[in-house]
Amino acid sequence: MDFQLSDDQRALRAGVRELLAGRFGRDRMRAALDGGTGVDRALWRELGEAGFFALRLPEAEGGVGLGLPEAVLLFEEAGRSLLPGPLIATHLAAGPVKGAAQGETVVAVLDQGQPVAHLGEADALLVLGPGDGPRESAGAAPVSGAAPADVAPVRDAATPVRSMDPFTPLWRVADPVEAGEPLPRGGRLRDEGALLAAAEQLGSAARTTEMAVQHAGGREQFGSPIGSFQAVKHLCAGMLVRAELARCAVYAAAVTADPVEIAGAKLLADDAAVRNARDCLQVHGGMGFTWEADVHLHLKRAWLRSGQWLTAAAAEEVLAEDLC
């Protein structure tokens, strides 16, 4: 069995990387950061036109007709570029929630007891149940096509809270939100969301590895690149090992869609994203702590994402239960 990417998959990944580099490259990313802007609706629609959200919808329903392995490649690229917004929830809601597939509707996710990201910009809301997966909120745009503004009552009752990631505004919803009509594949959406979050973490881990190696090759101390020093070599080598181990787990879980393998992939990808960002910061030295460096943005996003969809404690419980 050949687990190498096919030519079509490589072309898909290259096309998404080119799209994001042109529409959300470093200059635009820093401008968005300095301007405090939220979801870029124009970019959201462009992602919809490119098939980002409708990737796994059948062609008969206006989608691309691809599967989880291809979706993982897309979200890996999103993680590399620090693309903000509730990408996973909108992708999962494509089809049942009107406008999500086309990028016209921004869909946020509510996991009871957790802060809601991008609630202030959301047109619809997916409510994650404790065990039966996401359901569409009664306060969000239902499948029948009610006005997206129906999410306003949930937003009005929520309180903004401070977020460690400047690209991810958070809201605390104190009152329970009643779940509405169940979405198709409801029992699978939490697992799929965790896998796509793991793919984003993988992209971030790979990117911080590249950033560390690039800096180590260009920065000189005592007349030599710091990458020639054994301590720095070990840091970079460890980052590569973590990223590639996470890649194997994420790609395998995308093929099998097994909940246990998804839990393992999320655990490894979270660890790789956080630890690689920390080691990348260490390679950068003092400048890595400054606002002008991008590494702290990867670290903050990795910290935040590790608590979404499937936490480390929950993933460990899934793995432990499978051993019994």
C-alpha atoms as a PDB file:
ATOM      1  CA  MET A   1       0.000   0.000   0.000  1.00  0.00           C
ATOM      2  CA  ASP A   2       1.385   3.411  -1.007  1.00  0.00           C
ATOM      3  CA  PHE A   3       0.970   6.153   1.604  1.00  0.00           C
ATOM      4  CA  GLN A   4       2.809   8.801  -0.407  1.00  0.00           C
ATOM      5  CA  LEU A   5       0.764  11.796  -1.528  1.00  0.00           C
ATOM      6  CA  SER A   6      -0.632  11.484  -5.016  1.00  0.00           C
ATOM      7  CA  ASP A   7       0.109  14.064  -7.698  1.00  0.00           C
ATOM      8  CA  ASP A   8      -3.399  15.489  -7.259  1.00  0.00           C
ATOM      9  CA  GLN A   9      -2.919  15.804  -3.508  1.00  0.00           C
ATOM     10  CA  ARG A  10       0.421  17.551  -3.967  1.00  0.00           C
ATOM     11  CA  ALA A  11      -1.174  19.928  -6.462  1.00  0.00           C
ATOM     12  CA  LEU A  12      -4.018  20.621  -4.027  1.00  0.00           C
ATOM     13  CA  ARG A  13      -1.590  21.416  -1.220  1.00  0.00           C
ATOM     14  CA  ALA A  14       0.535  23.625  -3.466  1.00  0.00           C
ATOM     15  CA  GLY A  15      -2.532  25.493  -4.693  1.00  0.00           C
ATOM     16  CA  VAL A  16      -3.770  26.227  -1.177  1.00  0.00           C
ATOM     17  CA  ARG A  17      -0.301  27.329  -0.064  1.00  0.00           C
ATOM     18  CA  GLU A  18      -0.087  29.688  -3.035  1.00  0.00           C
ATOM     19  CA  LEU A  19      -3.563  31.063  -2.338  1.00  0.00           C
ATOM     20  CA  LEU A  20      -2.814  31.713   1.332  1.00  0.00           C
ATOM     21  CA  ALA A  21       0.612  33.194   0.568  1.00  0.00           C
ATOM     22  CA  GLY A  22      -1.021  35.665  -1.792  1.00  0.00           C
ATOM     23  CA  ARG A  23      -4.035  36.529   0.357  1.00  0.00           C
ATOM     24  CA  PHE A  24      -2.629  36.114   3.879  1.00  0.00           C
ATOM     25  CA  GLY A  25       1.129  36.391   3.578  1.00  0.00           C
ATOM     26  CA  ARG A  26       3.260  37.804   6.358  1.00  0.00           C
ATOM     27  CA  ASP A  27       2.679  41.456   5.444  1.00  0.00           C
ATOM     28  CA  ARG A  28      -1.086  41.065   5.443  1.00  0.00           C
ATOM     29  CA  MET A  29      -0.959  38.914   8.547  1.00  0.00           C
ATOM     30  CA  ARG A  30       0.962  41.591  10.439  1.00  0.00           C
ATOM     31  CA  ALA A  31      -1.362  44.303   9.115  1.00  0.00           C
ATOM     32  CA  ALA A  32      -4.354  42.328  10.366  1.00  0.00           C
ATOM     33  CA  LEU A  33      -2.618  41.869  13.707  1.00  0.00           C
ATOM     34  CA  ASP A  34      -1.823  45.563  14.095  1.00  0.00           C
ATOM     35  CA  GLY A  35      -5.284  46.578  12.926  1.00  0.00           C
ATOM     36  CA  GLY A  36      -7.082  44.203  15.253  1.00  0.00           C
ATOM     37  CA  THR A  37      -9.330  43.003  12.446  1.00  0.00           C
ATOM     38  CA  GLY A  38     -11.413  39.861  12.803  1.00  0.00           C
ATOM     39  CA  VAL A  39     -12.586  37.485  10.121  1.00  0.00           C
ATOM     40  CA  ASP A  40     -11.794  38.833   6.663  1.00  0.00           C
ATOM     41  CA  ARG A  41     -15.116  38.297   4.900  1.00  0.00           C
ATOM     42  CA  ALA A  42     -13.587  38.793   1.459  1.00  0.00           C
ATOM     43  CA  LEU A  43     -10.960  36.129   2.162  1.00  0.00           C
ATOM     44  CA  TRP A  44     -13.642  33.886   3.675  1.00  0.00           C
ATOM     45  CA  ARG A  45     -15.650  34.082   0.452  1.00  0.00           C
ATOM     46  CA  GLU A  46     -12.527  33.484  -1.612  1.00  0.00           C
ATOM     47  CA  LEU A  47     -11.827  30.352   0.419  1.00  0.00           C
ATOM     48  CA  GLY A  48     -15.404  29.287  -0.266  1.00  0.00           C
ATOM     49  CA  GLU A  49     -14.956  29.839  -4.002  1.00  0.00           C
ATOM     50  CA  ALA A  50     -11.751  27.784  -3.890  1.00  0.00           C
ATOM     51  CA  GLY A  51     -13.655  24.865  -2.345  1.00  0.00           C
ATOM     52  CA  PHE A  52     -12.026  25.072   1.090  1.00  0.00           C
ATOM     53  CA  PHE A  53     -15.289  24.602   2.980  1.00  0.00           C
ATOM     54  CA  ALA A  54     -17.108  22.424   0.416  1.00  0.00           C
ATOM     55  CA  LEU A  55     -14.145  20.117  -0.138  1.00  0.00           C
ATOM     56  CA  ARG A  56     -15.892  17.019   1.233  1.00  0.00           C
ATOM     57  CA  LEU A  57     -19.391  17.736  -0.030  1.00  0.00           C
ATOM     58  CA  PRO A  58     -20.512  15.484  -2.905  1.00  0.00           C
ATOM     59  CA  GLU A  59     -20.202  17.035  -6.346  1.00  0.00           C
ATOM     60  CA  ALA A  60     -23.979  16.653  -6.753  1.00  0.00           C
ATOM     61  CA  GLU A  61     -24.370  19.105  -3.856  1.00  0.00           C
ATOM     62  CA  GLY A  62     -21.924  21.626  -5.269  1.00  0.00           C
ATOM     63  CA  GLY A  63     -18.885  20.293  -3.445  1.00  0.00           C
ATOM     64  CA  VAL A  64     -15.531  18.947  -4.561  1.00  0.00           C
ATOM     65  CA  GLY A  65     -16.179  15.357  -3.542  1.00  0.00           C
ATOM     66  CA  LEU A  66     -12.881  14.689  -1.756  1.00  0.00           C
ATOM     67  CA  GLY A  67     -12.241  13.136   1.656  1.00  0.00           C
ATOM     68  CA  LEU A  68     -10.585  13.586   5.031  1.00  0.00           C
ATOM     69  CA  PRO A  69      -7.005  13.083   3.753  1.00  0.00           C
ATOM     70  CA  GLU A  70      -7.411  16.035   1.382  1.00  0.00           C
ATOM     71  CA  ALA A  71      -9.080  18.122   4.085  1.00  0.00           C
ATOM     72  CA  VAL A  72      -6.107  17.463   6.369  1.00  0.00           C
ATOM     73  CA  LEU A  73      -3.757  18.862   3.717  1.00  0.00           C
ATOM     74  CA  LEU A  74      -5.817  22.056   3.505  1.00  0.00           C
ATOM     75  CA  PHE A  75      -5.915  22.598   7.240  1.00  0.00           C
ATOM     76  CA  GLU A  76      -2.218  21.865   7.557  1.00  0.00           C
ATOM     77  CA  GLU A  77      -1.587  24.798   5.228  1.00  0.00           C
ATOM     78  CA  ALA A  78      -3.988  26.969   7.232  1.00  0.00           C
ATOM     79  CA  GLY A  79      -1.988  26.159  10.362  1.00  0.00           C
ATOM     80  CA  ARG A  80       1.273  27.099   8.655  1.00  0.00           C
ATOM     81  CA  SER A  81      -0.043  30.525   7.727  1.00  0.00           C
ATOM     82  CA  LEU A  82      -1.774  31.275  11.062  1.00  0.00           C
ATOM     83  CA  LEU A  83      -5.005  31.856   9.146  1.00  0.00           C
ATOM     84  CA  PRO A  84      -7.552  33.096  11.718  1.00  0.00           C
ATOM     85  CA  GLY A  85     -11.241  32.361  11.994  1.00  0.00           C
ATOM     86  CA  PRO A  86     -13.488  29.377  12.795  1.00  0.00           C
ATOM     87  CA  LEU A  87     -12.340  27.423   9.754  1.00  0.00           C
ATOM     88  CA  ILE A  88     -13.079  23.981  11.159  1.00  0.00           C
ATOM     89  CA  ALA A  89     -16.637  24.697  12.274  1.00  0.00           C
ATOM     90  CA  THR A  90     -17.493  26.332   8.949  1.00  0.00           C
ATOM     91  CA  HIS A  91     -16.000  23.404   7.050  1.00  0.00           C
ATOM     92  CA  LEU A  92     -17.973  20.891   9.115  1.00  0.00           C
ATOM     93  CA  ALA A  93     -21.185  22.894   8.698  1.00  0.00           C
ATOM     94  CA  ALA A  94     -20.869  23.148   4.912  1.00  0.00           C
ATOM     95  CA  GLY A  95     -24.036  21.790   3.370  1.00  0.00           C
ATOM     96  CA  PRO A  96     -26.468  21.717   6.299  1.00  0.00           C
ATOM     97  CA  VAL A  97     -25.889  25.387   7.194  1.00  0.00           C
ATOM     98  CA  LYS A  98     -26.862  27.688   4.370  1.00  0.00           C
ATOM     99  CA  GLY A  99     -23.976  29.707   2.947  1.00  0.00           C
ATOM    100  CA  ALA A 100     -21.221  27.904   4.860  1.00  0.00           C
ATOM    101  CA  ALA A 101     -19.938  26.009   1.809  1.00  0.00           C
ATOM    102  CA  GLN A 102     -19.690  29.227  -0.215  1.00  0.00           C
ATOM    103  CA  GLY A 103     -17.955  31.181   2.556  1.00  0.00           C
ATOM    104  CA  GLU A 104     -20.965  33.477   2.938  1.00  0.00           C
ATOM    105  CA  THR A 105     -21.690  32.249   6.479  1.00  0.00           C
ATOM    106  CA  VAL A 106     -19.197  32.185   9.345  1.00  0.00           C
ATOM    107  CA  VAL A 107     -19.921  29.304  11.711  1.00  0.00           C
ATOM    108  CA  ALA A 108     -18.462  29.231  15.232  1.00  0.00           C
ATOM    109  CA  VAL A 109     -18.457  26.265  17.605  1.00  0.00           C
ATOM    110  CA  LEU A 110     -19.695  26.123  21.196  1.00  0.00           C
ATOM    111  CA  ASP A 111     -18.339  23.383  23.423  1.00  0.00           C
ATOM    112  CA  GLN A 112     -20.210  23.599  26.724  1.00  0.00           C
ATOM    113  CA  GLY A 113     -17.976  25.029  29.433  1.00  0.00           C
ATOM    114  CA  GLN A 114     -15.387  26.361  26.975  1.00  0.00           C
ATOM    115  CA  PRO A 115     -15.030  29.913  25.629  1.00  0.00           C
ATOM    116  CA  VAL A 116     -16.447  30.450  22.146  1.00  0.00           C
ATOM    117  CA  ALA A 117     -14.003  31.738  19.544  1.00  0.00           C
ATOM    118  CA  HIS A 118     -15.176  34.387  17.059  1.00  0.00           C
ATOM    119  CA  LEU A 119     -18.701  34.528  18.458  1.00  0.00           C
ATOM    120  CA  GLY A 120     -18.818  38.242  17.735  1.00  0.00           C
ATOM    121  CA  GLU A 121     -18.440  37.586  14.004  1.00  0.00           C
ATOM    122  CA  ALA A 122     -20.442  34.359  13.753  1.00  0.00           C
ATOM    123  CA  ASP A 123     -23.586  33.999  11.684  1.00  0.00           C
ATOM    124  CA  ALA A 124     -24.347  30.500  13.002  1.00  0.00           C
ATOM    125  CA  LEU A 125     -23.281  28.288  15.849  1.00  0.00           C
ATOM    126  CA  LEU A 126     -22.537  24.582  16.215  1.00  0.00           C
ATOM    127  CA  VAL A 127     -23.188  23.244  19.711  1.00  0.00           C
ATOM    128  CA  LEU A 128     -21.042  20.287  20.742  1.00  0.00           C
ATOM    129  CA  GLY A 129     -22.868  17.820  22.940  1.00  0.00           C
ATOM    130  CA  PRO A 130     -21.073  15.764  25.594  1.00  0.00           C
ATOM    131  CA  GLY A 131     -21.148  12.590  23.561  1.00  0.00           C
ATOM    132  CA  ASP A 132     -23.339  12.867  20.505  1.00  0.00           C
ATOM    133  CA  GLY A 133     -21.286  15.425  18.590  1.00  0.00           C
ATOM    134  CA  PRO A 134     -22.267  18.870  17.333  1.00  0.00           C
ATOM    135  CA  ARG A 135     -25.792  20.018  16.816  1.00  0.00           C
ATOM    136  CA  GLU A 136     -26.944  23.177  15.225  1.00  0.00           C
ATOM    137  CA  SER A 137     -27.919  25.736  17.843  1.00  0.00           C
ATOM    138  CA  ALA A 138     -31.492  26.872  18.189  1.00  0.00           C
ATOM    139  CA  GLY A 139     -30.059  30.391  18.251  1.00  0.00           C
ATOM    140  CA  ALA A 140     -28.160  29.932  15.010  1.00  0.00           C
ATOM    141  CA  ALA A 141     -29.165  29.747  11.391  1.00  0.00           C
ATOM    142  CA  PRO A 142     -31.023  26.424  11.024  1.00  0.00           C
ATOM    143  CA  VAL A 143     -30.981  24.175   7.999  1.00  0.00           C
ATOM    144  CA  SER A 144     -34.307  25.565   6.875  1.00  0.00           C
ATOM    145  CA  GLY A 145     -32.578  28.873   6.119  1.00  0.00           C
ATOM    146  CA  ALA A 146     -33.559  31.284   8.880  1.00  0.00           C
ATOM    147  CA  ALA A 147     -31.782  34.618   9.091  1.00  0.00           C
ATOM    148  CA  PRO A 148     -28.163  34.368  10.268  1.00  0.00           C
ATOM    149  CA  ALA A 149     -28.890  37.227  12.693  1.00  0.00           C
ATOM    150  CA  ASP A 150     -30.705  34.698  14.911  1.00  0.00           C
ATOM    151  CA  VAL A 151     -27.355  34.056  16.591  1.00  0.00           C
ATOM    152  CA  ALA A 152     -27.630  37.509  18.202  1.00  0.00           C
ATOM    153  CA  PRO A 153     -29.430  36.334  21.390  1.00  0.00           C
ATOM    154  CA  VAL A 154     -26.556  33.975  22.185  1.00  0.00           C
ATOM    155  CA  ARG A 155     -24.022  36.716  21.528  1.00  0.00           C
ATOM    156  CA  ASP A 156     -25.925  39.278  23.592  1.00  0.00           C
ATOM    157  CA  ALA A 157     -25.858  36.968  26.605  1.00  0.00           C
ATOM    158  CA  ALA A 158     -22.132  36.262  26.262  1.00  0.00           C
ATOM    159  CA  THR A 159     -19.223  38.125  27.813  1.00  0.00           C
ATOM    160  CA  PRO A 160     -15.933  38.849  26.012  1.00  0.00           C
ATOM    161  CA  VAL A 161     -12.904  37.369  27.775  1.00  0.00           C
ATOM    162  CA  ARG A 162      -9.212  37.985  27.271  1.00  0.00           C
ATOM    163  CA  SER A 163      -7.573  35.675  24.747  1.00  0.00           C
ATOM    164  CA  MET A 164      -3.904  34.701  24.693  1.00  0.00           C
ATOM    165  CA  ASP A 165      -4.078  34.666  20.865  1.00  0.00           C
ATOM    166  CA  PRO A 166      -4.587  38.154  19.424  1.00  0.00           C
ATOM    167  CA  PHE A 167      -6.175  36.621  16.313  1.00  0.00           C
ATOM    168  CA  THR A 168      -8.804  34.658  18.264  1.00  0.00           C
ATOM    169  CA  PRO A 169     -11.325  36.707  20.262  1.00  0.00           C
ATOM    170  CA  LEU A 170     -13.071  34.650  22.928  1.00  0.00           C
ATOM    171  CA  TRP A 171     -16.530  34.895  24.498  1.00  0.00           C
ATOM    172  CA  ARG A 172     -17.864  33.219  27.617  1.00  0.00           C
ATOM    173  CA  VAL A 173     -21.416  31.860  27.336  1.00  0.00           C
ATOM    174  CA  ALA A 174     -22.685  31.392  30.887  1.00  0.00           C
ATOM    175  CA  ASP A 175     -26.157  30.046  30.192  1.00  0.00           C
ATOM    176  CA  PRO A 176     -26.612  26.638  28.525  1.00  0.00           C
ATOM    177  CA  VAL A 177     -27.510  26.875  24.840  1.00  0.00           C
ATOM    178  CA  GLU A 178     -30.303  24.588  23.763  1.00  0.00           C
ATOM    179  CA  ALA A 179     -29.278  22.348  20.873  1.00  0.00           C
ATOM    180  CA  GLY A 180     -31.424  22.460  17.780  1.00  0.00           C
ATOM    181  CA  GLU A 181     -31.760  20.099  14.848  1.00  0.00           C
ATOM    182  CA  PRO A 182     -28.998  17.437  14.776  1.00  0.00           C
ATOM    183  CA  LEU A 183     -26.559  17.740  11.908  1.00  0.00           C
ATOM    184  CA  PRO A 184     -25.704  14.821   9.613  1.00  0.00           C
ATOM    185  CA  ARG A 185     -22.764  12.765  10.930  1.00  0.00           C
ATOM    186  CA  GLY A 186     -23.380  14.435  14.295  1.00  0.00           C
ATOM    187  CA  GLY A 187     -21.644  11.685  16.205  1.00  0.00           C
ATOM    188  CA  ARG A 188     -18.541  12.001  14.006  1.00  0.00           C
ATOM    189  CA  LEU A 189     -18.110  15.740  13.847  1.00  0.00           C
ATOM    190  CA  ARG A 190     -16.234  16.077  17.124  1.00  0.00           C
ATOM    191  CA  ASP A 191     -13.701  13.481  15.969  1.00  0.00           C
ATOM    192  CA  GLU A 192     -13.403  15.130  12.563  1.00  0.00           C
ATOM    193  CA  GLY A 193     -12.979  18.532  14.184  1.00  0.00           C
ATOM    194  CA  ALA A 194     -10.233  17.148  16.425  1.00  0.00           C
ATOM    195  CA  LEU A 195      -8.440  15.685  13.400  1.00  0.00           C
ATOM    196  CA  LEU A 196      -8.582  18.961  11.480  1.00  0.00           C
ATOM    197  CA  ALA A 197      -7.332  20.818  14.554  1.00  0.00           C
ATOM    198  CA  ALA A 198      -4.462  18.323  14.711  1.00  0.00           C
ATOM    199  CA  ALA A 199      -3.709  19.105  11.062  1.00  0.00           C
ATOM    200  CA  GLU A 200      -3.519  22.817  11.892  1.00  0.00           C
ATOM    201  CA  GLN A 201      -1.167  22.023  14.769  1.00  0.00           C
ATOM    202  CA  LEU A 202       0.956  19.949  12.398  1.00  0.00           C
ATOM    203  CA  GLY A 203       1.219  22.855   9.979  1.00  0.00           C
ATOM    204  CA  SER A 204       2.282  25.171  12.780  1.00  0.00           C
ATOM    205  CA  ALA A 205       4.871  22.668  14.056  1.00  0.00           C
ATOM    206  CA  ALA A 206       6.351  22.288  10.576  1.00  0.00           C
ATOM    207  CA  ARG A 207       6.461  26.038  10.049  1.00  0.00           C
ATOM    208  CA  THR A 208       8.225  26.787  13.349  1.00  0.00           C
ATOM    209  CA  THR A 209      10.773  24.096  12.497  1.00  0.00           C
ATOM    210  CA  GLU A 210      11.496  25.872   9.222  1.00  0.00           C
ATOM    211  CA  MET A 211      11.704  29.235  10.998  1.00  0.00           C
ATOM    212  CA  ALA A 212      14.206  27.882  13.535  1.00  0.00           C
ATOM    213  CA  VAL A 213      16.425  26.269  10.877  1.00  0.00           C
ATOM    214  CA  GLN A 214      16.359  29.416   8.747  1.00  0.00           C
ATOM    215  CA  HIS A 215      17.318  31.629  11.683  1.00  0.00           C
ATOM    216  CA  ALA A 216      20.019  29.212  12.864  1.00  0.00           C
ATOM    217  CA  GLY A 217      21.579  29.267   9.406  1.00  0.00           C
ATOM    218  CA  GLY A 218      21.619  33.036   9.106  1.00  0.00           C
ATOM    219  CA  ARG A 219      22.389  34.235  12.619  1.00  0.00           C
ATOM    220  CA  GLU A 220      26.108  34.322  13.489  1.00  0.00           C
ATOM    221  CA  GLN A 221      27.895  34.335  16.834  1.00  0.00           C
ATOM    222  CA  PHE A 222      31.643  34.098  17.381  1.00  0.00           C
ATOM    223  CA  GLY A 223      32.101  34.148  13.612  1.00  0.00           C
ATOM    224  CA  SER A 224      29.950  31.075  12.912  1.00  0.00           C
ATOM    225  CA  PRO A 225      26.265  30.415  12.240  1.00  0.00           C
ATOM    226  CA  ILE A 226      24.552  29.446  15.482  1.00  0.00           C
ATOM    227  CA  GLY A 227      23.253  26.378  13.636  1.00  0.00           C
ATOM    228  CA  SER A 228      26.764  24.938  13.797  1.00  0.00           C
ATOM    229  CA  PHE A 229      26.569  24.764  17.602  1.00  0.00           C
ATOM    230  CA  GLN A 230      25.603  21.353  18.923  1.00  0.00           C
ATOM    231  CA  ALA A 231      22.976  22.653  21.352  1.00  0.00           C
ATOM    232  CA  VAL A 232      21.115  24.412  18.541  1.00  0.00           C
ATOM    233  CA  LYS A 233      21.450  21.370  16.269  1.00  0.00           C
ATOM    234  CA  HIS A 234      19.809  19.230  18.931  1.00  0.00           C
ATOM    235  CA  LEU A 235      16.921  21.661  19.315  1.00  0.00           C
ATOM    236  CA  CYS A 236      16.243  21.724  15.575  1.00  0.00           C
ATOM    237  CA  ALA A 237      16.598  17.959  15.237  1.00  0.00           C
ATOM    238  CA  GLY A 238      14.120  17.412  18.061  1.00  0.00           C
ATOM    239  CA  MET A 239      11.659  19.770  16.393  1.00  0.00           C
ATOM    240  CA  LEU A 240      11.867  17.848  13.120  1.00  0.00           C
ATOM    241  CA  VAL A 241      11.339  14.505  14.866  1.00  0.00           C
ATOM    242  CA  ARG A 242       8.238  15.778  16.674  1.00  0.00           C
ATOM    243  CA  ALA A 243       6.780  17.298  13.514  1.00  0.00           C
ATOM    244  CA  GLU A 244       7.321  14.180  11.401  1.00  0.00           C
ATOM    245  CA  LEU A 245       5.985  11.876  14.111  1.00  0.00           C
ATOM    246  CA  ALA A 246       2.863  14.021  14.307  1.00  0.00           C
ATOM    247  CA  ARG A 247       2.599  14.020  10.509  1.00  0.00           C
ATOM    248  CA  CYS A 248       2.593  10.213  10.390  1.00  0.00           C
ATOM    249  CA  ALA A 249      -0.122  10.052  13.041  1.00  0.00           C
ATOM    250  CA  VAL A 250      -2.315  12.757  11.481  1.00  0.00           C
ATOM    251  CA  TYR A 251      -2.075  11.347   7.954  1.00  0.00           C
ATOM    252  CA  ALA A 252      -2.798   7.807   9.181  1.00  0.00           C
ATOM    253  CA  ALA A 253      -5.815   8.968  11.189  1.00  0.00           C
ATOM    254  CA  ALA A 254      -7.111  10.802   8.123  1.00  0.00           C
ATOM    255  CA  VAL A 255      -7.067   7.519   6.187  1.00  0.00           C
ATOM    256  CA  THR A 256      -8.677   5.358   8.866  1.00  0.00           C
ATOM    257  CA  ALA A 257     -10.914   7.974  10.558  1.00  0.00           C
ATOM    258  CA  ASP A 258     -10.614   5.816  13.663  1.00  0.00           C
ATOM    259  CA  PRO A 259     -11.481   7.753  16.875  1.00  0.00           C
ATOM    260  CA  VAL A 260      -8.588   6.171  18.786  1.00  0.00           C
ATOM    261  CA  GLU A 261      -6.069   7.080  16.094  1.00  0.00           C
ATOM    262  CA  ILE A 262      -7.538  10.583  15.911  1.00  0.00           C
ATOM    263  CA  ALA A 263      -7.038  10.947  19.673  1.00  0.00           C
ATOM    264  CA  GLY A 264      -3.411   9.860  19.331  1.00  0.00           C
ATOM    265  CA  ALA A 265      -2.870  12.218  16.403  1.00  0.00           C
ATOM    266  CA  LYS A 266      -4.321  15.176  18.295  1.00  0.00           C
ATOM    267  CA  LEU A 267      -2.146  14.398  21.312  1.00  0.00           C
ATOM    268  CA  LEU A 268       1.035  14.203  19.234  1.00  0.00           C
ATOM    269  CA  ALA A 269       0.208  17.231  17.100  1.00  0.00           C
ATOM    270  CA  ASP A 270      -0.603  19.395  20.126  1.00  0.00           C
ATOM    271  CA  ASP A 271       2.689  18.419  21.723  1.00  0.00           C
ATOM    272  CA  ALA A 272       4.628  19.089  18.509  1.00  0.00           C
ATOM    273  CA  ALA A 273       3.022  22.493  17.931  1.00  0.00           C
ATOM    274  CA  VAL A 274       3.586  23.757  21.469  1.00  0.00           C
ATOM    275  CA  ARG A 275       7.065  22.350  22.033  1.00  0.00           C
ATOM    276  CA  ASN A 276       8.310  23.296  18.565  1.00  0.00           C
ATOM    277  CA  ALA A 277       7.135  26.868  19.018  1.00  0.00           C
ATOM    278  CA  ARG A 278       8.891  27.025  22.384  1.00  0.00           C
ATOM    279  CA  ASP A 279      12.125  25.606  20.933  1.00  0.00           C
ATOM    280  CA  CYS A 280      11.873  27.934  17.947  1.00  0.00           C
ATOM    281  CA  LEU A 281      11.612  30.833  20.366  1.00  0.00           C
ATOM    282  CA  GLN A 282      14.693  29.512  22.162  1.00  0.00           C
ATOM    283  CA  VAL A 283      16.660  29.369  18.887  1.00  0.00           C
ATOM    284  CA  HIS A 284      15.677  32.962  18.136  1.00  0.00           C
ATOM    285  CA  GLY A 285      16.960  34.064  21.550  1.00  0.00           C
ATOM    286  CA  GLY A 286      15.932  37.449  22.908  1.00  0.00           C
ATOM    287  CA  MET A 287      14.381  38.611  19.655  1.00  0.00           C
ATOM    288  CA  GLY A 288      12.004  35.643  19.781  1.00  0.00           C
ATOM    289  CA  PHE A 289      10.220  37.287  22.711  1.00  0.00           C
ATOM    290  CA  THR A 290       9.560  40.523  20.824  1.00  0.00           C
ATOM    291  CA  TRP A 291       6.249  41.499  19.238  1.00  0.00           C
ATOM    292  CA  GLU A 292       7.927  41.790  15.831  1.00  0.00           C
ATOM    293  CA  ALA A 293       8.809  38.087  15.732  1.00  0.00           C
ATOM    294  CA  ASP A 294       6.141  35.667  14.510  1.00  0.00           C
ATOM    295  CA  VAL A 295       7.102  32.730  16.709  1.00  0.00           C
ATOM    296  CA  HIS A 296       5.108  33.950  19.706  1.00  0.00           C
ATOM    297  CA  LEU A 297       1.986  33.990  17.531  1.00  0.00           C
ATOM    298  CA  HIS A 298       2.472  30.311  16.701  1.00  0.00           C
ATOM    299  CA  LEU A 299       3.015  29.510  20.374  1.00  0.00           C
ATOM    300  CA  LYS A 300      -0.114  31.327  21.515  1.00  0.00           C
ATOM    301  CA  ARG A 301      -2.253  29.762  18.791  1.00  0.00           C
ATOM    302  CA  ALA A 302      -0.878  26.298  19.608  1.00  0.00           C
ATOM    303  CA  TRP A 303      -1.655  26.738  23.296  1.00  0.00           C
ATOM    304  CA  LEU A 304      -5.192  27.844  22.519  1.00  0.00           C
ATOM    305  CA  ARG A 305      -5.857  25.162  19.894  1.00  0.00           C
ATOM    306  CA  SER A 306      -4.641  22.380  22.197  1.00  0.00           C
ATOM    307  CA  GLY A 307      -7.691  22.997  24.381  1.00  0.00           C
ATOM    308  CA  GLN A 308     -10.194  22.877  21.522  1.00  0.00           C
ATOM    309  CA  TRP A 309     -12.202  19.963  20.099  1.00  0.00           C
ATOM    310  CA  LEU A 310     -10.258  17.323  22.075  1.00  0.00           C
ATOM    311  CA  THR A 311      -8.080  18.180  25.062  1.00  0.00           C
ATOM    312  CA  ALA A 312      -4.998  16.209  26.050  1.00  0.00           C
ATOM    313  CA  ALA A 313      -6.812  14.738  29.058  1.00  0.00           C
ATOM    314  CA  ALA A 314      -9.754  13.618  26.918  1.00  0.00           C
ATOM    315  CA  ALA A 315      -7.449  12.140  24.272  1.00  0.00           C
ATOM    316  CA  GLU A 316      -5.544  10.210  26.934  1.00  0.00           C
ATOM    317  CA  GLU A 317      -8.826   8.814  28.254  1.00  0.00           C
ATOM    318  CA  VAL A 318      -9.753   7.598  24.759  1.00  0.00           C
ATOM    319  CA  LEU A 319      -6.391   5.884  24.372  1.00  0.00           C
ATOM    320  CA  ALA A 320      -6.501   4.376  27.848  1.00  0.00           C
ATOM    321  CA  GLU A 321     -10.008   3.024  27.325  1.00  0.00           C
ATOM    322  CA  ASP A 322      -8.900   1.357  24.103  1.00  0.00           C
ATOM    323  CA  LEU A 323      -6.195  -0.522  26.021  1.00  0.00           C
ATOM    324  CA  CYS A 324      -8.693  -2.016  28.480  1.00  0.00           C
END
